[in-house]
Every structure is written in C-alpha cells, then in structure tokens.
Amino acid sequence: MKLTVNEEQQLHDELTNMLVNGDIDSADDILRVFKDYLSNHKPTVLQWIEQMFEYAEKKEWFETYWAIDLHGTVSRPDYRKESKEIDYYPYAKETLQLMSERDDIKLIMFTSSYPEEIKEYYKQFRNDNIIFDFINDNPEVTDAKGSFGFYDKKPYFNVLLEDKASFNPLNDWEYLYNHFKNTKYRPNKEWSMKYNEKYHK
C-alpha cells in the first residue's frame, strides 16, 4: 500500500511523538504502530462514501449516483485510439460488480472517450456483469423534474471516482471492495427519489 504525502506526514508525526514520549524503542514497536495505522486507516474517498450514505439515509433517498471515470480510474490508461481493452486495476472489476448488483446505486460512465470507444467499453462491462445506467448524463435528476439544481451542463452525482480528483486506483478500489462486500446497509425501497426535493422552488 502506498501512502499519500499527508498520510506519510501523519504517520511520521505519530511515530515522532511516541519516540519523544518513550512509547517505542524497537523496530517491532514501529512495525506494530504501522500495522495499527493501516488497520484503522480509511482513504478520503471511503470516508466521503460513508458520510454520503449517512446523509442519504437521513434524507430518505433511495438512489445514489456515482460518476466513474474510466482511464486511470477503472482501467490502466492506454491512449491509443485503436485500443479499446479494459485493463482493470486490482479490485476495480469486483467492486463494480458488487455495486451493479444493487438497484439503489446508479452508475454513470463519466468519460471523454470517443463514441465508438464508449460502445465497446459498454459491451465489455456488460459482459463482465458491470451495468452503467447512464453515460455522461443523469436524466433522473433534472431541474425540469423539480430537483434542487441546474444540471444541463453538469450531471448530478453523489460520488465522483476520478484519478484527477485524487482517487488512487492502486489503493482505493480494495477499500471500496471491502466496504461493499461487508456493509449491511440497504436503503428503504419506499424512500423518495431526489427529484422530489422542493426547497429551491
């Protein structure tokens, strides 16, 4: 596992304080602290997902919408136009399969790929039991339906998985996989959709 700069600094500060206080004095102690840190660590994206689900439960939203970039997030990048293969990062395929099994999670393929590439990617995802509900759009949450924003240019989503927005595909997919594999939370099917919100009207 590769730590971010902030995570390295946090771990460094924690070890420094323990050395100053005399709480560690051997390599075994340092290894123990490092293992404890990793076991309790949650990447920022997972912290946001947990917070988002808590908020959705409070608001009684059934659906949540996930905008997911492809290259550098789901698939290792290959910018040759003739290449349309999906080279999954570890745990990306398995996580997206778990998400696709849930009818409360709506996946949005968020990509600047060419139309002919998108068709091929969509077909490959379907063959892998990964279902993207929409492509660069979210027709379920719109201003015309009485929602709480103007989404003609920017589709509504609850979660963005994008390497250029600090998602680390080499680390973060495993955390997301474990979350979806182990979580027991499921929203109530009778809860309303987001477009029933009226507070901007």
C-alpha atoms as a PDB file:
ATOM      1  CA  MET A   1       0.000   0.000   0.000  1.00  0.00           C
ATOM      2  CA  LYS A   2       1.290   3.438  -0.928  1.00  0.00           C
ATOM      3  CA  LEU A   3       0.524   6.296   1.445  1.00  0.00           C
ATOM      4  CA  THR A   4      -0.231   9.817   0.306  1.00  0.00           C
ATOM      5  CA  VAL A   5       2.028  12.687   1.374  1.00  0.00           C
ATOM      6  CA  ASN A   6      -0.467  13.740   4.061  1.00  0.00           C
ATOM      7  CA  GLU A   7      -0.772  10.171   5.338  1.00  0.00           C
ATOM      8  CA  GLU A   8       3.009   9.809   5.489  1.00  0.00           C
ATOM      9  CA  GLN A   9       3.232  13.060   7.444  1.00  0.00           C
ATOM     10  CA  GLN A  10       0.508  11.943   9.851  1.00  0.00           C
ATOM     11  CA  LEU A  11       2.254   8.625  10.470  1.00  0.00           C
ATOM     12  CA  HIS A  12       5.615  10.389  10.816  1.00  0.00           C
ATOM     13  CA  ASP A  13       4.203  12.787  13.418  1.00  0.00           C
ATOM     14  CA  GLU A  14       2.619   9.935  15.348  1.00  0.00           C
ATOM     15  CA  LEU A  15       5.861   7.950  15.444  1.00  0.00           C
ATOM     16  CA  THR A  16       7.846  11.055  16.404  1.00  0.00           C
ATOM     17  CA  ASN A  17       5.533  11.771  19.339  1.00  0.00           C
ATOM     18  CA  MET A  18       5.787   8.171  20.503  1.00  0.00           C
ATOM     19  CA  LEU A  19       9.589   8.278  20.320  1.00  0.00           C
ATOM     20  CA  VAL A  20       9.690  11.531  22.305  1.00  0.00           C
ATOM     21  CA  ASN A  21       7.354  10.060  24.923  1.00  0.00           C
ATOM     22  CA  GLY A  22       9.335   6.821  25.131  1.00  0.00           C
ATOM     23  CA  ASP A  23       6.420   4.699  23.906  1.00  0.00           C
ATOM     24  CA  ILE A  24       8.507   2.903  21.271  1.00  0.00           C
ATOM     25  CA  ASP A  25      12.126   1.838  21.339  1.00  0.00           C
ATOM     26  CA  SER A  26      12.455  -1.001  18.837  1.00  0.00           C
ATOM     27  CA  ALA A  27      11.754  -1.964  15.224  1.00  0.00           C
ATOM     28  CA  ASP A  28       8.980  -4.278  16.447  1.00  0.00           C
ATOM     29  CA  ASP A  29       7.256  -1.340  18.128  1.00  0.00           C
ATOM     30  CA  ILE A  30       7.452   0.690  14.921  1.00  0.00           C
ATOM     31  CA  LEU A  31       6.042  -2.223  12.915  1.00  0.00           C
ATOM     32  CA  ARG A  32       3.197  -2.583  15.415  1.00  0.00           C
ATOM     33  CA  VAL A  33       2.318   1.110  15.134  1.00  0.00           C
ATOM     34  CA  PHE A  34       2.420   0.918  11.341  1.00  0.00           C
ATOM     35  CA  LYS A  35       0.114  -2.125  11.274  1.00  0.00           C
ATOM     36  CA  ASP A  36      -2.286  -0.434  13.686  1.00  0.00           C
ATOM     37  CA  TYR A  37      -2.310   2.653  11.494  1.00  0.00           C
ATOM     38  CA  LEU A  38      -3.111   0.660   8.365  1.00  0.00           C
ATOM     39  CA  SER A  39      -5.845  -1.369  10.052  1.00  0.00           C
ATOM     40  CA  ASN A  40      -7.615   1.817  11.196  1.00  0.00           C
ATOM     41  CA  HIS A  41      -6.900   3.854   8.073  1.00  0.00           C
ATOM     42  CA  LYS A  42      -9.636   4.929   5.681  1.00  0.00           C
ATOM     43  CA  PRO A  43      -8.874   6.797   2.462  1.00  0.00           C
ATOM     44  CA  THR A  44     -10.666  10.082   1.897  1.00  0.00           C
ATOM     45  CA  VAL A  45     -12.974   8.618  -0.743  1.00  0.00           C
ATOM     46  CA  LEU A  46     -14.238   5.934   1.650  1.00  0.00           C
ATOM     47  CA  GLN A  47     -14.789   8.498   4.395  1.00  0.00           C
ATOM     48  CA  TRP A  48     -16.891  10.524   1.967  1.00  0.00           C
ATOM     49  CA  ILE A  49     -18.886   7.451   0.832  1.00  0.00           C
ATOM     50  CA  GLU A  50     -19.760   6.544   4.409  1.00  0.00           C
ATOM     51  CA  GLN A  51     -20.734  10.154   5.141  1.00  0.00           C
ATOM     52  CA  MET A  52     -22.799  10.278   1.942  1.00  0.00           C
ATOM     53  CA  PHE A  53     -24.750   7.126   2.827  1.00  0.00           C
ATOM     54  CA  GLU A  54     -25.442   8.514   6.303  1.00  0.00           C
ATOM     55  CA  TYR A  55     -26.803  11.703   4.757  1.00  0.00           C
ATOM     56  CA  ALA A  56     -28.848   9.771   2.176  1.00  0.00           C
ATOM     57  CA  GLU A  57     -30.392   7.703   4.969  1.00  0.00           C
ATOM     58  CA  LYS A  58     -31.228  10.860   6.928  1.00  0.00           C
ATOM     59  CA  LYS A  59     -32.849  12.410   3.843  1.00  0.00           C
ATOM     60  CA  GLU A  60     -34.534   9.100   2.939  1.00  0.00           C
ATOM     61  CA  TRP A  61     -33.027   8.959  -0.529  1.00  0.00           C
ATOM     62  CA  PHE A  62     -33.156   5.549  -2.160  1.00  0.00           C
ATOM     63  CA  GLU A  63     -30.917   6.182  -5.161  1.00  0.00           C
ATOM     64  CA  THR A  64     -27.336   7.383  -5.070  1.00  0.00           C
ATOM     65  CA  TYR A  65     -25.477   8.330  -8.235  1.00  0.00           C
ATOM     66  CA  TRP A  66     -21.829   7.502  -8.905  1.00  0.00           C
ATOM     67  CA  ALA A  67     -19.861   9.225 -11.692  1.00  0.00           C
ATOM     68  CA  ILE A  68     -16.960   6.965 -12.593  1.00  0.00           C
ATOM     69  CA  ASP A  69     -14.080   7.879 -14.867  1.00  0.00           C
ATOM     70  CA  LEU A  70     -12.554   5.082 -16.949  1.00  0.00           C
ATOM     71  CA  HIS A  71      -8.905   5.655 -17.870  1.00  0.00           C
ATOM     72  CA  GLY A  72      -6.632   5.945 -14.875  1.00  0.00           C
ATOM     73  CA  THR A  73      -9.521   5.059 -12.557  1.00  0.00           C
ATOM     74  CA  VAL A  74     -11.126   1.788 -13.650  1.00  0.00           C
ATOM     75  CA  SER A  75      -8.700   0.808 -16.390  1.00  0.00           C
ATOM     76  CA  ARG A  76      -4.983   1.361 -16.749  1.00  0.00           C
ATOM     77  CA  PRO A  77      -4.649   4.128 -19.328  1.00  0.00           C
ATOM     78  CA  ASP A  78      -3.860   3.348 -22.941  1.00  0.00           C
ATOM     79  CA  TYR A  79      -4.417   6.446 -25.024  1.00  0.00           C
ATOM     80  CA  ARG A  80      -4.037   4.783 -28.406  1.00  0.00           C
ATOM     81  CA  LYS A  81      -7.390   5.263 -30.117  1.00  0.00           C
ATOM     82  CA  GLU A  82      -7.286   1.781 -31.617  1.00  0.00           C
ATOM     83  CA  SER A  83      -7.015   0.212 -28.170  1.00  0.00           C
ATOM     84  CA  LYS A  84     -10.400  -0.429 -26.565  1.00  0.00           C
ATOM     85  CA  GLU A  85      -9.469  -3.059 -24.000  1.00  0.00           C
ATOM     86  CA  ILE A  86     -10.332  -2.605 -20.321  1.00  0.00           C
ATOM     87  CA  ASP A  87      -7.283  -3.385 -18.211  1.00  0.00           C
ATOM     88  CA  TYR A  88      -8.816  -3.343 -14.739  1.00  0.00           C
ATOM     89  CA  TYR A  89      -6.943  -2.099 -11.716  1.00  0.00           C
ATOM     90  CA  PRO A  90      -6.925  -4.607  -8.829  1.00  0.00           C
ATOM     91  CA  TYR A  91     -10.381  -4.879  -7.218  1.00  0.00           C
ATOM     92  CA  ALA A  92     -11.989  -2.452  -9.698  1.00  0.00           C
ATOM     93  CA  LYS A  93     -13.885  -5.148 -11.590  1.00  0.00           C
ATOM     94  CA  GLU A  94     -15.036  -6.936  -8.447  1.00  0.00           C
ATOM     95  CA  THR A  95     -16.134  -3.699  -6.771  1.00  0.00           C
ATOM     96  CA  LEU A  96     -18.126  -2.525  -9.784  1.00  0.00           C
ATOM     97  CA  GLN A  97     -19.795  -5.936  -9.976  1.00  0.00           C
ATOM     98  CA  LEU A  98     -20.913  -5.630  -6.349  1.00  0.00           C
ATOM     99  CA  MET A  99     -22.209  -2.117  -6.987  1.00  0.00           C
ATOM    100  CA  SER A 100     -24.075  -3.281 -10.100  1.00  0.00           C
ATOM    101  CA  GLU A 101     -25.973  -5.829  -8.026  1.00  0.00           C
ATOM    102  CA  ARG A 102     -27.630  -3.046  -6.018  1.00  0.00           C
ATOM    103  CA  ASP A 103     -30.628  -1.278  -7.524  1.00  0.00           C
ATOM    104  CA  ASP A 104     -30.115   1.760  -5.276  1.00  0.00           C
ATOM    105  CA  ILE A 105     -26.716   2.506  -6.860  1.00  0.00           C
ATOM    106  CA  LYS A 106     -26.775   4.170 -10.267  1.00  0.00           C
ATOM    107  CA  LEU A 107     -23.500   4.101 -12.169  1.00  0.00           C
ATOM    108  CA  ILE A 108     -22.651   6.910 -14.585  1.00  0.00           C
ATOM    109  CA  MET A 109     -19.843   6.313 -17.072  1.00  0.00           C
ATOM    110  CA  PHE A 110     -18.024   9.635 -16.885  1.00  0.00           C
ATOM    111  CA  THR A 111     -15.633   9.720 -19.793  1.00  0.00           C
ATOM    112  CA  SER A 112     -14.291  11.787 -22.672  1.00  0.00           C
ATOM    113  CA  SER A 113     -13.807   8.678 -24.809  1.00  0.00           C
ATOM    114  CA  TYR A 114     -14.959   8.709 -28.410  1.00  0.00           C
ATOM    115  CA  PRO A 115     -18.497   7.383 -29.100  1.00  0.00           C
ATOM    116  CA  GLU A 116     -17.244   4.237 -30.832  1.00  0.00           C
ATOM    117  CA  GLU A 117     -14.959   3.546 -27.874  1.00  0.00           C
ATOM    118  CA  ILE A 118     -17.792   4.014 -25.395  1.00  0.00           C
ATOM    119  CA  LYS A 119     -19.911   1.445 -27.239  1.00  0.00           C
ATOM    120  CA  GLU A 120     -17.112  -1.102 -26.989  1.00  0.00           C
ATOM    121  CA  TYR A 121     -16.431  -0.333 -23.329  1.00  0.00           C
ATOM    122  CA  TYR A 122     -20.134  -0.607 -22.512  1.00  0.00           C
ATOM    123  CA  LYS A 123     -20.294  -4.017 -24.194  1.00  0.00           C
ATOM    124  CA  GLN A 124     -17.236  -5.254 -22.289  1.00  0.00           C
ATOM    125  CA  PHE A 125     -18.627  -4.008 -18.990  1.00  0.00           C
ATOM    126  CA  ARG A 126     -21.939  -5.790 -19.647  1.00  0.00           C
ATOM    127  CA  ASN A 127     -20.034  -8.998 -20.379  1.00  0.00           C
ATOM    128  CA  ASP A 128     -18.312  -8.569 -17.014  1.00  0.00           C
ATOM    129  CA  ASN A 129     -21.674  -8.036 -15.229  1.00  0.00           C
ATOM    130  CA  ILE A 130     -20.996  -4.344 -14.703  1.00  0.00           C
ATOM    131  CA  ILE A 131     -24.003  -2.182 -15.511  1.00  0.00           C
ATOM    132  CA  PHE A 132     -23.612   1.506 -16.256  1.00  0.00           C
ATOM    133  CA  ASP A 133     -27.039   3.145 -16.111  1.00  0.00           C
ATOM    134  CA  PHE A 134     -26.059   6.364 -17.869  1.00  0.00           C
ATOM    135  CA  ILE A 135     -23.208   7.821 -19.908  1.00  0.00           C
ATOM    136  CA  ASN A 136     -22.085  11.377 -19.099  1.00  0.00           C
ATOM    137  CA  ASP A 137     -25.644  12.188 -18.038  1.00  0.00           C
ATOM    138  CA  ASN A 138     -28.175  11.760 -15.259  1.00  0.00           C
ATOM    139  CA  PRO A 139     -31.700  12.135 -16.643  1.00  0.00           C
ATOM    140  CA  GLU A 140     -33.257  11.126 -13.323  1.00  0.00           C
ATOM    141  CA  VAL A 141     -32.213  14.319 -11.529  1.00  0.00           C
ATOM    142  CA  THR A 142     -33.027  17.436 -13.548  1.00  0.00           C
ATOM    143  CA  ASP A 143     -34.346  20.935 -12.998  1.00  0.00           C
ATOM    144  CA  ALA A 144     -37.381  20.032 -15.130  1.00  0.00           C
ATOM    145  CA  LYS A 145     -38.339  17.358 -12.588  1.00  0.00           C
ATOM    146  CA  GLY A 146     -38.217  19.768  -9.673  1.00  0.00           C
ATOM    147  CA  SER A 147     -34.763  18.917  -8.397  1.00  0.00           C
ATOM    148  CA  PHE A 148     -32.527  21.180  -6.361  1.00  0.00           C
ATOM    149  CA  GLY A 149     -30.069  22.390  -9.005  1.00  0.00           C
ATOM    150  CA  PHE A 150     -29.472  23.168 -12.670  1.00  0.00           C
ATOM    151  CA  TYR A 151     -27.912  20.125 -14.310  1.00  0.00           C
ATOM    152  CA  ASP A 152     -27.983  20.883 -18.030  1.00  0.00           C
ATOM    153  CA  LYS A 153     -24.192  21.202 -18.166  1.00  0.00           C
ATOM    154  CA  LYS A 154     -23.090  19.173 -15.173  1.00  0.00           C
ATOM    155  CA  PRO A 155     -24.932  15.932 -14.311  1.00  0.00           C
ATOM    156  CA  TYR A 156     -25.892  15.342 -10.710  1.00  0.00           C
ATOM    157  CA  PHE A 157     -23.872  12.747  -8.779  1.00  0.00           C
ATOM    158  CA  ASN A 158     -23.234  11.869  -5.145  1.00  0.00           C
ATOM    159  CA  VAL A 159     -19.792  10.322  -5.617  1.00  0.00           C
ATOM    160  CA  LEU A 160     -17.047  11.003  -8.158  1.00  0.00           C
ATOM    161  CA  LEU A 161     -14.378   8.359  -8.715  1.00  0.00           C
ATOM    162  CA  GLU A 162     -11.724  10.057 -10.831  1.00  0.00           C
ATOM    163  CA  ASP A 163      -7.933   9.843 -10.691  1.00  0.00           C
ATOM    164  CA  LYS A 164      -7.695  13.581 -11.375  1.00  0.00           C
ATOM    165  CA  ALA A 165      -9.857  14.168  -8.297  1.00  0.00           C
ATOM    166  CA  SER A 166      -7.376  12.302  -6.041  1.00  0.00           C
ATOM    167  CA  PHE A 167      -8.830   8.784  -6.432  1.00  0.00           C
ATOM    168  CA  ASN A 168      -5.921   6.344  -6.135  1.00  0.00           C
ATOM    169  CA  PRO A 169      -6.857   3.227  -8.139  1.00  0.00           C
ATOM    170  CA  LEU A 170      -3.921   1.193  -6.854  1.00  0.00           C
ATOM    171  CA  ASN A 171      -5.127   1.556  -3.259  1.00  0.00           C
ATOM    172  CA  ASP A 172      -8.712   2.784  -3.102  1.00  0.00           C
ATOM    173  CA  TRP A 173     -10.521   0.021  -5.005  1.00  0.00           C
ATOM    174  CA  GLU A 174      -9.589  -2.531  -2.362  1.00  0.00           C
ATOM    175  CA  TYR A 175     -11.065  -0.346   0.379  1.00  0.00           C
ATOM    176  CA  LEU A 176     -14.261   0.114  -1.644  1.00  0.00           C
ATOM    177  CA  TYR A 177     -14.442  -3.614  -2.359  1.00  0.00           C
ATOM    178  CA  ASN A 178     -14.221  -4.448   1.336  1.00  0.00           C
ATOM    179  CA  HIS A 179     -16.843  -1.813   2.122  1.00  0.00           C
ATOM    180  CA  PHE A 180     -19.400  -3.171  -0.346  1.00  0.00           C
ATOM    181  CA  LYS A 181     -18.561  -6.769   0.495  1.00  0.00           C
ATOM    182  CA  ASN A 182     -19.153  -6.253   4.204  1.00  0.00           C
ATOM    183  CA  THR A 183     -21.701  -3.452   4.558  1.00  0.00           C
ATOM    184  CA  LYS A 184     -25.208  -4.427   5.593  1.00  0.00           C
ATOM    185  CA  TYR A 185     -26.726  -1.024   4.836  1.00  0.00           C
ATOM    186  CA  ARG A 186     -29.515  -1.002   2.272  1.00  0.00           C
ATOM    187  CA  PRO A 187     -31.886   1.937   1.759  1.00  0.00           C
ATOM    188  CA  ASN A 188     -35.641   1.550   2.013  1.00  0.00           C
ATOM    189  CA  LYS A 189     -37.189   0.961  -1.424  1.00  0.00           C
ATOM    190  CA  GLU A 190     -40.128   3.156  -0.410  1.00  0.00           C
ATOM    191  CA  TRP A 191     -37.935   6.226   0.037  1.00  0.00           C
ATOM    192  CA  SER A 192     -38.364   9.060  -2.453  1.00  0.00           C
ATOM    193  CA  MET A 193     -36.031   9.971  -5.273  1.00  0.00           C
ATOM    194  CA  LYS A 194     -34.002  13.167  -5.186  1.00  0.00           C
ATOM    195  CA  TYR A 195     -36.160  14.952  -7.704  1.00  0.00           C
ATOM    196  CA  ASN A 196     -38.912  15.165  -5.092  1.00  0.00           C
ATOM    197  CA  GLU A 197     -36.893  17.799  -3.240  1.00  0.00           C
ATOM    198  CA  LYS A 198     -38.698  21.149  -3.341  1.00  0.00           C
ATOM    199  CA  TYR A 199     -36.664  23.556  -1.267  1.00  0.00           C
ATOM    200  CA  HIS A 200     -35.435  25.555  -4.287  1.00  0.00           C
ATOM    201  CA  LYS A 201     -38.961  26.099  -5.525  1.00  0.00           C
END
